[in-house]
Every structure is written in structure tokens, then in C-alpha cells.
Amino acid sequence: MKFLFLVSIILLTAMTTEQKKSIHTYNVKDISGKDFDFATLKGKKIMVVNTASKCGLTPQYKQLEAIYQKYKDQNFVIVGFPSNDFMQQEPGSNEEIVEFCQKNYGVSFLMMDKVVVKGKDKCEIYKFLTQKSLNGLEDNSVKWNFQKYLIDENGFLMKVIAPTIEPDAKEITDWIEGK
């Protein structure tokens, strides 16, 4: 009887582990239309953030770029996904988004193709970020522009940060620094 109990626990653990995915299994298009494989980020902490150019939170680009510059040589990367899902606050084309980000904020962190982050047409990467069955952490929804997802070096979701929390908040920098 004890043997069957142990086998059941092992099988349940294996099933749970198999269901949990790593962001490293995903491929997307970058903002210039080229393929981007998240597997290239293995060993790095990742912050994924949905962005918009005409939002009250748009000035967060400044802090995003600052923490990227501060920590990029310490195995940390930011991946921005422009989205027009909240009050059409990202109406521009990819080219217009790049121009806006570079001109106004000097953005040099990774920017991806504009995507849908909520609803029935949600892109695959945001399905991963918002569904516990894929990310193994929690079900959540994207509340607004500039919601942040913290991913560990193995590609697993560790924490979801509200849009209004500044990118350079202590809870984020402590996580980056491993505190």
C-alpha cells in the first residue's frame, strides 16, 4: 500500500512538472519582424512588460531603460511587448513605436512585435504568462499597460507586478539582485 502511495505521488509530481512550461520554449517576432527564440535568454532573469506610447504610465520607459542599463551585465534583460489593448494607447506601427521609444526614452532593451495581451486573441506568450496551467505559478490577467512579469534564469514565472509599481521599485531590484 505504501508503495502505491509513493508511486502516485511520483506520478503526480511528474505530471505537474510536465505541465509547467518555461518561457524558453517560446518563439516570437521582434519589433523588426525577425524571429526571436526565448531559449537564447537561458541563464538570465527576464522582465516581460506590455508597453504603450500614449498611456499615463508611458514615462516608465525611462525607469525600464535605467534598470536595464544598470543590470544588463548581470544576466538581466527586459523584453517589451507593445500592445494596443487598453484604450487604444498604442496605435502606432512597429516602426513608429521604435522611433518613439528611441527618440523619447533611448530604449535599447528588447522590443517585440505588437501583440494582443488579453481576450480570445491573446498571443501565446501572454497565454503562458497568465495561465497557471502553463506557467505553474498563478492565473492572472493583464490589468493595464506596463504590467511586469518576472521570470527566473530557468524561464519560470516568479512574480507578477502591477502596472502602477515603478520598474525600479525595491521589490524588483531586490529580485534582480537575488536578495
N, C-alpha and C. Protein backbone atom coordinates (compact mmCIF):
# COMPACT_ATOMS: atom_id res chain seq x y z
N MET A 1 0.82 -1.19 0.00
CA MET A 1 0.00 0.00 0.00
C MET A 1 0.87 1.27 0.00
N LYS A 2 1.92 1.27 0.85
CA LYS A 2 2.82 2.42 0.88
C LYS A 2 3.49 2.62 -0.46
N PHE A 3 3.83 1.50 -1.12
CA PHE A 3 4.48 1.57 -2.43
C PHE A 3 3.57 2.28 -3.44
N LEU A 4 2.29 1.89 -3.47
CA LEU A 4 1.34 2.50 -4.41
C LEU A 4 1.17 3.99 -4.11
N PHE A 5 1.17 4.34 -2.83
CA PHE A 5 1.05 5.74 -2.44
C PHE A 5 2.25 6.54 -2.96
N LEU A 6 3.45 5.99 -2.78
CA LEU A 6 4.67 6.67 -3.25
C LEU A 6 4.68 6.80 -4.77
N VAL A 7 4.27 5.74 -5.47
CA VAL A 7 4.20 5.79 -6.94
C VAL A 7 3.21 6.86 -7.38
N SER A 8 2.06 6.98 -6.70
CA SER A 8 1.07 8.00 -7.04
C SER A 8 1.65 9.40 -6.88
N ILE A 9 2.37 9.62 -5.78
CA ILE A 9 2.98 10.93 -5.54
C ILE A 9 4.00 11.24 -6.63
N ILE A 10 4.82 10.27 -6.98
CA ILE A 10 5.83 10.47 -8.02
C ILE A 10 5.17 10.80 -9.35
N LEU A 11 4.12 10.08 -9.70
CA LEU A 11 3.42 10.34 -10.97
C LEU A 11 2.76 11.71 -10.96
N LEU A 12 2.13 12.09 -9.86
CA LEU A 12 1.51 13.42 -9.78
C LEU A 12 2.55 14.52 -9.90
N THR A 13 3.68 14.35 -9.25
CA THR A 13 4.77 15.32 -9.33
C THR A 13 5.27 15.43 -10.76
N ALA A 14 5.44 14.30 -11.42
CA ALA A 14 5.92 14.30 -12.81
C ALA A 14 4.92 15.00 -13.72
N MET A 15 3.62 14.74 -13.51
CA MET A 15 2.60 15.38 -14.35
C MET A 15 2.61 16.89 -14.13
N THR A 16 2.72 17.32 -12.88
CA THR A 16 2.73 18.75 -12.59
C THR A 16 3.95 19.41 -13.23
N THR A 17 5.10 18.76 -13.14
CA THR A 17 6.32 19.31 -13.72
C THR A 17 6.21 19.40 -15.23
N GLU A 18 5.62 18.39 -15.86
CA GLU A 18 5.49 18.40 -17.32
C GLU A 18 4.57 19.52 -17.79
N GLN A 19 3.52 19.82 -17.03
CA GLN A 19 2.58 20.85 -17.44
C GLN A 19 3.20 22.24 -17.35
N LYS A 20 4.03 22.46 -16.36
CA LYS A 20 4.67 23.76 -16.19
C LYS A 20 5.69 23.95 -17.31
N LYS A 21 5.53 25.04 -18.03
CA LYS A 21 6.43 25.31 -19.15
C LYS A 21 7.44 26.39 -18.76
N SER A 22 8.45 26.48 -19.55
CA SER A 22 9.44 27.54 -19.42
C SER A 22 9.22 28.52 -20.56
N ILE A 23 9.47 29.78 -20.31
CA ILE A 23 9.37 30.78 -21.38
C ILE A 23 10.38 30.45 -22.49
N HIS A 24 11.41 29.67 -22.14
CA HIS A 24 12.44 29.31 -23.12
C HIS A 24 11.92 28.42 -24.24
N THR A 25 10.69 27.93 -24.13
CA THR A 25 10.12 27.09 -25.19
C THR A 25 9.39 27.92 -26.24
N TYR A 26 9.34 29.24 -26.06
CA TYR A 26 8.57 30.11 -26.95
C TYR A 26 9.45 30.87 -27.93
N ASN A 27 8.86 31.09 -29.10
CA ASN A 27 9.45 31.93 -30.14
C ASN A 27 8.45 33.02 -30.49
N VAL A 28 8.93 34.21 -30.72
CA VAL A 28 8.08 35.34 -31.09
C VAL A 28 8.78 36.11 -32.22
N LYS A 29 8.16 37.16 -32.67
CA LYS A 29 8.78 38.07 -33.64
C LYS A 29 9.24 39.32 -32.88
N ASP A 30 10.42 39.79 -33.21
CA ASP A 30 10.86 41.04 -32.59
C ASP A 30 10.22 42.21 -33.35
N ILE A 31 10.48 43.40 -32.89
CA ILE A 31 9.79 44.58 -33.44
C ILE A 31 10.16 44.85 -34.89
N SER A 32 11.27 44.27 -35.35
CA SER A 32 11.65 44.45 -36.76
C SER A 32 11.17 43.27 -37.61
N GLY A 33 10.42 42.34 -37.02
CA GLY A 33 9.84 41.23 -37.77
C GLY A 33 10.70 39.98 -37.83
N LYS A 34 11.84 39.99 -37.14
CA LYS A 34 12.72 38.82 -37.12
C LYS A 34 12.30 37.84 -36.03
N ASP A 35 12.57 36.56 -36.27
CA ASP A 35 12.27 35.54 -35.26
C ASP A 35 13.14 35.75 -34.04
N PHE A 36 12.53 35.58 -32.86
CA PHE A 36 13.27 35.66 -31.61
C PHE A 36 12.94 34.43 -30.78
N ASP A 37 13.96 33.71 -30.36
CA ASP A 37 13.81 32.49 -29.57
C ASP A 37 14.16 32.80 -28.12
N PHE A 38 13.20 32.64 -27.23
CA PHE A 38 13.45 32.90 -25.81
C PHE A 38 14.52 31.97 -25.23
N ALA A 39 14.81 30.86 -25.89
CA ALA A 39 15.87 29.96 -25.42
C ALA A 39 17.22 30.67 -25.39
N THR A 40 17.36 31.74 -26.18
CA THR A 40 18.63 32.49 -26.18
C THR A 40 18.84 33.24 -24.87
N LEU A 41 17.80 33.31 -24.04
CA LEU A 41 17.90 34.02 -22.77
C LEU A 41 18.09 33.08 -21.57
N LYS A 42 18.36 31.80 -21.84
CA LYS A 42 18.60 30.87 -20.74
C LYS A 42 19.73 31.40 -19.87
N GLY A 43 19.53 31.29 -18.55
CA GLY A 43 20.54 31.76 -17.61
C GLY A 43 20.39 33.23 -17.22
N LYS A 44 19.40 33.93 -17.80
CA LYS A 44 19.17 35.34 -17.48
C LYS A 44 17.83 35.51 -16.79
N LYS A 45 17.76 36.47 -15.89
CA LYS A 45 16.48 36.88 -15.33
C LYS A 45 15.83 37.79 -16.38
N ILE A 46 14.53 37.64 -16.53
CA ILE A 46 13.80 38.36 -17.57
C ILE A 46 12.64 39.12 -16.95
N MET A 47 12.47 40.36 -17.36
CA MET A 47 11.25 41.09 -17.06
C MET A 47 10.51 41.27 -18.37
N VAL A 48 9.30 40.74 -18.44
CA VAL A 48 8.44 40.94 -19.60
C VAL A 48 7.43 42.02 -19.21
N VAL A 49 7.24 42.99 -20.10
CA VAL A 49 6.33 44.10 -19.81
C VAL A 49 5.57 44.48 -21.08
N ASN A 50 4.25 44.68 -20.95
CA ASN A 50 3.47 45.17 -22.08
C ASN A 50 3.50 46.69 -22.05
N THR A 51 3.79 47.30 -23.18
CA THR A 51 4.04 48.73 -23.24
C THR A 51 3.03 49.46 -24.12
N ALA A 52 3.00 50.77 -23.96
CA ALA A 52 2.15 51.63 -24.78
C ALA A 52 2.74 53.03 -24.79
N SER A 53 2.63 53.71 -25.91
CA SER A 53 3.25 55.03 -26.09
C SER A 53 2.37 56.21 -25.69
N LYS A 54 1.09 55.98 -25.50
CA LYS A 54 0.17 57.08 -25.20
C LYS A 54 -0.61 56.83 -23.92
N CYS A 55 0.08 56.37 -22.90
CA CYS A 55 -0.53 55.99 -21.63
C CYS A 55 0.04 56.87 -20.53
N GLY A 56 -0.71 57.07 -19.48
CA GLY A 56 -0.20 57.81 -18.33
C GLY A 56 1.02 57.16 -17.70
N LEU A 57 1.20 55.86 -17.95
CA LEU A 57 2.35 55.14 -17.40
C LEU A 57 3.53 55.09 -18.37
N THR A 58 3.39 55.66 -19.55
CA THR A 58 4.45 55.64 -20.56
C THR A 58 5.81 56.12 -20.03
N PRO A 59 5.84 57.11 -19.11
CA PRO A 59 7.15 57.52 -18.58
C PRO A 59 7.92 56.39 -17.88
N GLN A 60 7.27 55.25 -17.61
CA GLN A 60 8.00 54.12 -17.05
C GLN A 60 9.09 53.62 -17.99
N TYR A 61 9.00 53.95 -19.26
CA TYR A 61 10.08 53.59 -20.19
C TYR A 61 11.42 54.09 -19.65
N LYS A 62 11.42 55.27 -19.03
CA LYS A 62 12.66 55.85 -18.51
C LYS A 62 13.28 54.95 -17.44
N GLN A 63 12.46 54.48 -16.46
CA GLN A 63 12.96 53.59 -15.42
C GLN A 63 13.32 52.22 -15.98
N LEU A 64 12.54 51.74 -16.94
CA LEU A 64 12.85 50.45 -17.56
C LEU A 64 14.24 50.50 -18.19
N GLU A 65 14.50 51.55 -18.95
CA GLU A 65 15.81 51.69 -19.59
C GLU A 65 16.91 51.83 -18.54
N ALA A 66 16.65 52.57 -17.48
CA ALA A 66 17.66 52.77 -16.42
C ALA A 66 18.01 51.46 -15.73
N ILE A 67 17.01 50.65 -15.38
CA ILE A 67 17.36 49.38 -14.69
C ILE A 67 17.97 48.39 -15.67
N TYR A 68 17.56 48.48 -16.93
CA TYR A 68 18.21 47.62 -17.93
C TYR A 68 19.69 47.97 -18.03
N GLN A 69 20.00 49.25 -18.11
CA GLN A 69 21.40 49.67 -18.20
C GLN A 69 22.19 49.27 -16.95
N LYS A 70 21.55 49.39 -15.80
CA LYS A 70 22.23 49.07 -14.54
C LYS A 70 22.53 47.57 -14.40
N TYR A 71 21.61 46.72 -14.86
CA TYR A 71 21.72 45.28 -14.58
C TYR A 71 21.99 44.40 -15.80
N LYS A 72 22.08 44.98 -16.99
CA LYS A 72 22.22 44.15 -18.20
C LYS A 72 23.48 43.30 -18.20
N ASP A 73 24.52 43.73 -17.51
CA ASP A 73 25.75 42.95 -17.43
C ASP A 73 25.73 41.95 -16.28
N GLN A 74 24.57 41.85 -15.61
CA GLN A 74 24.40 40.91 -14.50
C GLN A 74 23.31 39.89 -14.83
N ASN A 75 23.29 39.46 -16.10
CA ASN A 75 22.33 38.45 -16.55
C ASN A 75 20.88 38.84 -16.34
N PHE A 76 20.56 40.07 -16.72
CA PHE A 76 19.18 40.58 -16.63
C PHE A 76 18.82 41.21 -17.97
N VAL A 77 17.59 40.96 -18.40
CA VAL A 77 17.11 41.52 -19.65
C VAL A 77 15.64 41.92 -19.50
N ILE A 78 15.26 42.94 -20.24
CA ILE A 78 13.86 43.36 -20.31
C ILE A 78 13.37 43.07 -21.72
N VAL A 79 12.15 42.54 -21.80
CA VAL A 79 11.52 42.27 -23.09
C VAL A 79 10.18 43.00 -23.11
N GLY A 80 10.07 44.01 -23.97
CA GLY A 80 8.85 44.78 -24.08
C GLY A 80 7.97 44.28 -25.21
N PHE A 81 6.67 44.21 -24.93
CA PHE A 81 5.68 43.83 -25.93
C PHE A 81 4.67 44.95 -26.07
N PRO A 82 4.79 45.79 -27.09
CA PRO A 82 3.77 46.82 -27.31
C PRO A 82 2.40 46.18 -27.51
N SER A 83 1.38 46.83 -26.97
CA SER A 83 0.02 46.32 -27.09
C SER A 83 -0.95 47.49 -27.15
N ASN A 84 -1.98 47.33 -27.95
CA ASN A 84 -2.99 48.37 -28.12
C ASN A 84 -4.30 47.97 -27.43
N ASP A 85 -4.21 47.12 -26.42
CA ASP A 85 -5.40 46.53 -25.80
C ASP A 85 -6.12 47.43 -24.80
N PHE A 86 -5.49 48.48 -24.35
CA PHE A 86 -6.10 49.32 -23.33
C PHE A 86 -6.33 50.72 -23.87
N MET A 87 -7.57 51.01 -24.19
CA MET A 87 -8.00 52.32 -24.69
C MET A 87 -7.19 52.80 -25.89
N GLN A 88 -6.76 51.86 -26.74
CA GLN A 88 -6.01 52.18 -27.97
C GLN A 88 -4.84 53.12 -27.69
N GLN A 89 -4.07 52.81 -26.64
CA GLN A 89 -2.95 53.67 -26.25
C GLN A 89 -1.63 53.31 -26.93
N GLU A 90 -1.68 52.33 -27.84
CA GLU A 90 -0.51 52.02 -28.67
C GLU A 90 -0.97 51.83 -30.11
N PRO A 91 -1.40 52.93 -30.76
CA PRO A 91 -1.96 52.82 -32.10
C PRO A 91 -0.91 52.71 -33.21
N GLY A 92 0.34 53.01 -32.91
CA GLY A 92 1.37 53.10 -33.93
C GLY A 92 1.80 51.76 -34.51
N SER A 93 2.47 51.86 -35.65
CA SER A 93 3.08 50.68 -36.27
C SER A 93 4.36 50.35 -35.50
N ASN A 94 4.93 49.19 -35.76
CA ASN A 94 6.19 48.83 -35.11
C ASN A 94 7.26 49.88 -35.36
N GLU A 95 7.33 50.39 -36.58
CA GLU A 95 8.33 51.40 -36.91
C GLU A 95 8.11 52.67 -36.10
N GLU A 96 6.86 53.10 -35.97
CA GLU A 96 6.55 54.30 -35.19
C GLU A 96 6.87 54.09 -33.71
N ILE A 97 6.61 52.88 -33.20
CA ILE A 97 6.91 52.56 -31.80
C ILE A 97 8.41 52.64 -31.55
N VAL A 98 9.21 52.05 -32.45
CA VAL A 98 10.67 52.10 -32.31
C VAL A 98 11.14 53.55 -32.29
N GLU A 99 10.66 54.34 -33.23
CA GLU A 99 11.07 55.74 -33.31
C GLU A 99 10.71 56.48 -32.02
N PHE A 100 9.49 56.29 -31.54
CA PHE A 100 9.04 56.95 -30.31
C PHE A 100 9.92 56.55 -29.12
N CYS A 101 10.14 55.25 -28.97
CA CYS A 101 10.91 54.74 -27.82
C CYS A 101 12.36 55.24 -27.83
N GLN A 102 12.97 55.25 -28.99
CA GLN A 102 14.36 55.68 -29.07
C GLN A 102 14.48 57.19 -28.91
N LYS A 103 13.61 57.92 -29.57
CA LYS A 103 13.67 59.38 -29.52
C LYS A 103 13.37 59.92 -28.11
N ASN A 104 12.36 59.38 -27.45
CA ASN A 104 11.91 59.93 -26.18
C ASN A 104 12.57 59.30 -24.95
N TYR A 105 12.99 58.03 -25.06
CA TYR A 105 13.49 57.34 -23.87
C TYR A 105 14.80 56.59 -24.10
N GLY A 106 15.33 56.61 -25.30
CA GLY A 106 16.59 55.92 -25.58
C GLY A 106 16.53 54.42 -25.34
N VAL A 107 15.36 53.84 -25.57
CA VAL A 107 15.16 52.41 -25.29
C VAL A 107 16.14 51.55 -26.08
N SER A 108 16.87 50.73 -25.37
CA SER A 108 17.80 49.79 -26.01
C SER A 108 17.53 48.34 -25.62
N PHE A 109 16.58 48.13 -24.69
CA PHE A 109 16.23 46.76 -24.33
C PHE A 109 15.38 46.14 -25.44
N LEU A 110 15.21 44.84 -25.38
CA LEU A 110 14.50 44.11 -26.43
C LEU A 110 13.04 44.56 -26.55
N MET A 111 12.63 44.85 -27.76
CA MET A 111 11.23 45.17 -28.04
C MET A 111 10.74 44.18 -29.09
N MET A 112 9.54 43.66 -28.86
CA MET A 112 8.97 42.66 -29.74
C MET A 112 7.84 43.26 -30.57
N ASP A 113 7.33 42.44 -31.45
CA ASP A 113 6.21 42.79 -32.30
C ASP A 113 5.00 43.16 -31.44
N LYS A 114 4.20 44.09 -31.90
CA LYS A 114 2.98 44.48 -31.18
C LYS A 114 2.06 43.26 -31.10
N VAL A 115 1.51 43.00 -29.89
CA VAL A 115 0.72 41.80 -29.65
C VAL A 115 -0.58 42.12 -28.92
N VAL A 116 -1.44 41.11 -28.85
CA VAL A 116 -2.65 41.16 -28.04
C VAL A 116 -2.35 40.44 -26.73
N VAL A 117 -2.63 41.11 -25.59
CA VAL A 117 -2.28 40.54 -24.29
C VAL A 117 -3.50 40.10 -23.47
N LYS A 118 -4.70 40.25 -24.03
CA LYS A 118 -5.91 39.84 -23.31
C LYS A 118 -6.98 39.41 -24.31
N GLY A 119 -7.97 38.69 -23.80
CA GLY A 119 -9.09 38.29 -24.64
C GLY A 119 -8.83 37.04 -25.46
N LYS A 120 -9.77 36.75 -26.35
CA LYS A 120 -9.71 35.49 -27.10
C LYS A 120 -8.56 35.43 -28.11
N ASP A 121 -8.03 36.58 -28.52
CA ASP A 121 -6.93 36.62 -29.48
C ASP A 121 -5.56 36.79 -28.82
N LYS A 122 -5.50 36.58 -27.50
CA LYS A 122 -4.26 36.74 -26.75
C LYS A 122 -3.15 35.91 -27.37
N CYS A 123 -1.97 36.51 -27.51
CA CYS A 123 -0.83 35.80 -28.10
C CYS A 123 -0.33 34.70 -27.17
N GLU A 124 0.44 33.77 -27.72
CA GLU A 124 0.90 32.60 -26.96
C GLU A 124 1.74 32.96 -25.75
N ILE A 125 2.60 33.95 -25.87
CA ILE A 125 3.48 34.29 -24.75
C ILE A 125 2.65 34.83 -23.58
N TYR A 126 1.58 35.55 -23.87
CA TYR A 126 0.73 36.05 -22.79
C TYR A 126 -0.22 34.98 -22.27
N LYS A 127 -0.52 33.98 -23.06
CA LYS A 127 -1.23 32.82 -22.51
C LYS A 127 -0.35 32.17 -21.46
N PHE A 128 0.94 31.99 -21.78
CA PHE A 128 1.89 31.42 -20.83
C PHE A 128 1.95 32.27 -19.55
N LEU A 129 2.08 33.57 -19.71
CA LEU A 129 2.23 34.45 -18.55
C LEU A 129 1.00 34.51 -17.66
N THR A 130 -0.19 34.28 -18.23
CA THR A 130 -1.43 34.48 -17.47
C THR A 130 -2.16 33.20 -17.08
N GLN A 131 -1.70 32.04 -17.52
CA GLN A 131 -2.41 30.79 -17.21
C GLN A 131 -1.55 29.86 -16.35
N LYS A 132 -2.06 29.57 -15.16
CA LYS A 132 -1.33 28.70 -14.23
C LYS A 132 -1.02 27.35 -14.85
N SER A 133 -1.93 26.85 -15.70
CA SER A 133 -1.70 25.54 -16.33
C SER A 133 -0.44 25.54 -17.19
N LEU A 134 0.02 26.71 -17.61
CA LEU A 134 1.24 26.83 -18.41
C LEU A 134 2.42 27.34 -17.59
N ASN A 135 2.18 28.36 -16.75
CA ASN A 135 3.30 28.98 -16.04
C ASN A 135 3.59 28.35 -14.67
N GLY A 136 2.66 27.55 -14.17
CA GLY A 136 2.89 26.84 -12.91
C GLY A 136 2.79 27.70 -11.66
N LEU A 137 2.60 29.01 -11.80
CA LEU A 137 2.56 29.89 -10.64
C LEU A 137 1.15 30.34 -10.30
N GLU A 138 0.48 30.98 -11.26
CA GLU A 138 -0.84 31.53 -10.97
C GLU A 138 -1.58 31.92 -12.24
N ASP A 139 -2.91 31.92 -12.12
CA ASP A 139 -3.75 32.54 -13.14
C ASP A 139 -3.79 34.02 -12.82
N ASN A 140 -3.69 34.85 -13.83
CA ASN A 140 -3.78 36.29 -13.64
C ASN A 140 -4.25 36.92 -14.93
N SER A 141 -4.58 38.18 -14.87
CA SER A 141 -4.94 38.89 -16.10
C SER A 141 -4.10 40.15 -16.18
N VAL A 142 -3.88 40.61 -17.39
CA VAL A 142 -3.13 41.85 -17.59
C VAL A 142 -4.10 42.98 -17.26
N LYS A 143 -3.76 43.72 -16.22
CA LYS A 143 -4.65 44.77 -15.71
C LYS A 143 -4.59 46.05 -16.55
N TRP A 144 -3.41 46.38 -17.07
CA TRP A 144 -3.23 47.62 -17.82
C TRP A 144 -1.86 47.59 -18.47
N ASN A 145 -1.52 48.63 -19.19
CA ASN A 145 -0.19 48.77 -19.77
C ASN A 145 0.86 48.77 -18.66
N PHE A 146 2.02 48.25 -18.97
CA PHE A 146 3.18 48.24 -18.08
C PHE A 146 3.05 47.28 -16.89
N GLN A 147 2.27 46.20 -17.09
CA GLN A 147 2.29 45.12 -16.09
C GLN A 147 3.59 44.35 -16.31
N LYS A 148 4.21 43.96 -15.21
CA LYS A 148 5.54 43.34 -15.29
C LYS A 148 5.49 41.89 -14.83
N TYR A 149 6.19 41.03 -15.56
CA TYR A 149 6.31 39.62 -15.22
C TYR A 149 7.78 39.30 -15.01
N LEU A 150 8.10 38.77 -13.84
CA LEU A 150 9.48 38.44 -13.51
C LEU A 150 9.70 36.95 -13.70
N ILE A 151 10.66 36.62 -14.55
CA ILE A 151 10.96 35.25 -14.95
C ILE A 151 12.38 34.91 -14.49
N ASP A 152 12.54 33.74 -13.86
CA ASP A 152 13.87 33.37 -13.36
C ASP A 152 14.78 32.86 -14.48
N GLU A 153 16.01 32.52 -14.12
CA GLU A 153 17.02 32.10 -15.09
C GLU A 153 16.66 30.82 -15.83
N ASN A 154 15.75 30.03 -15.25
CA ASN A 154 15.31 28.79 -15.90
C ASN A 154 14.06 29.00 -16.76
N GLY A 155 13.59 30.23 -16.82
CA GLY A 155 12.45 30.55 -17.66
C GLY A 155 11.10 30.40 -16.99
N PHE A 156 11.09 30.31 -15.65
CA PHE A 156 9.83 30.12 -14.94
C PHE A 156 9.33 31.42 -14.32
N LEU A 157 8.03 31.64 -14.42
CA LEU A 157 7.40 32.83 -13.86
C LEU A 157 7.53 32.81 -12.34
N MET A 158 8.05 33.90 -11.79
CA MET A 158 8.25 34.01 -10.35
C MET A 158 7.30 35.00 -9.68
N LYS A 159 6.94 36.07 -10.41
CA LYS A 159 6.12 37.11 -9.78
C LYS A 159 5.47 37.98 -10.85
N VAL A 160 4.27 38.45 -10.53
CA VAL A 160 3.57 39.40 -11.39
C VAL A 160 3.51 40.73 -10.63
N ILE A 161 3.92 41.80 -11.30
CA ILE A 161 3.99 43.12 -10.68
C ILE A 161 2.96 44.04 -11.34
N ALA A 162 2.17 44.70 -10.52
CA ALA A 162 1.11 45.59 -11.01
C ALA A 162 1.67 46.72 -11.88
N PRO A 163 0.87 47.18 -12.84
CA PRO A 163 1.32 48.24 -13.75
C PRO A 163 1.78 49.52 -13.05
N THR A 164 1.15 49.87 -11.94
CA THR A 164 1.48 51.13 -11.27
C THR A 164 2.76 51.05 -10.44
N ILE A 165 3.30 49.86 -10.22
CA ILE A 165 4.56 49.72 -9.50
C ILE A 165 5.69 50.12 -10.45
N GLU A 166 6.50 51.07 -10.03
CA GLU A 166 7.60 51.56 -10.87
C GLU A 166 8.61 50.43 -11.15
N PRO A 167 9.18 50.41 -12.33
CA PRO A 167 10.14 49.37 -12.69
C PRO A 167 11.37 49.31 -11.79
N ASP A 168 11.70 50.43 -11.14
CA ASP A 168 12.87 50.44 -10.27
C ASP A 168 12.49 50.31 -8.78
N ALA A 169 11.29 49.80 -8.52
CA ALA A 169 10.84 49.59 -7.13
C ALA A 169 11.76 48.58 -6.44
N LYS A 170 11.88 48.71 -5.14
CA LYS A 170 12.78 47.87 -4.34
C LYS A 170 12.47 46.38 -4.52
N GLU A 171 11.19 46.02 -4.57
CA GLU A 171 10.86 44.59 -4.72
C GLU A 171 11.39 44.03 -6.04
N ILE A 172 11.48 44.85 -7.05
CA ILE A 172 12.00 44.41 -8.34
C ILE A 172 13.53 44.38 -8.32
N THR A 173 14.15 45.45 -7.83
CA THR A 173 15.61 45.46 -7.81
C THR A 173 16.16 44.41 -6.84
N ASP A 174 15.47 44.17 -5.74
CA ASP A 174 15.88 43.10 -4.82
C ASP A 174 15.83 41.75 -5.52
N TRP A 175 14.78 41.53 -6.32
CA TRP A 175 14.66 40.26 -7.06
C TRP A 175 15.80 40.13 -8.07
N ILE A 176 16.07 41.20 -8.79
CA ILE A 176 17.15 41.16 -9.79
C ILE A 176 18.48 40.83 -9.09
N GLU A 177 18.70 41.45 -7.94
CA GLU A 177 19.96 41.26 -7.20
C GLU A 177 19.99 39.96 -6.38
N GLY A 178 18.88 39.22 -6.37
CA GLY A 178 18.84 37.95 -5.64
C GLY A 178 18.76 38.10 -4.14
N LYS A 179 18.17 39.19 -3.68
CA LYS A 179 18.04 39.43 -2.23
C LYS A 179 16.78 38.80 -1.68
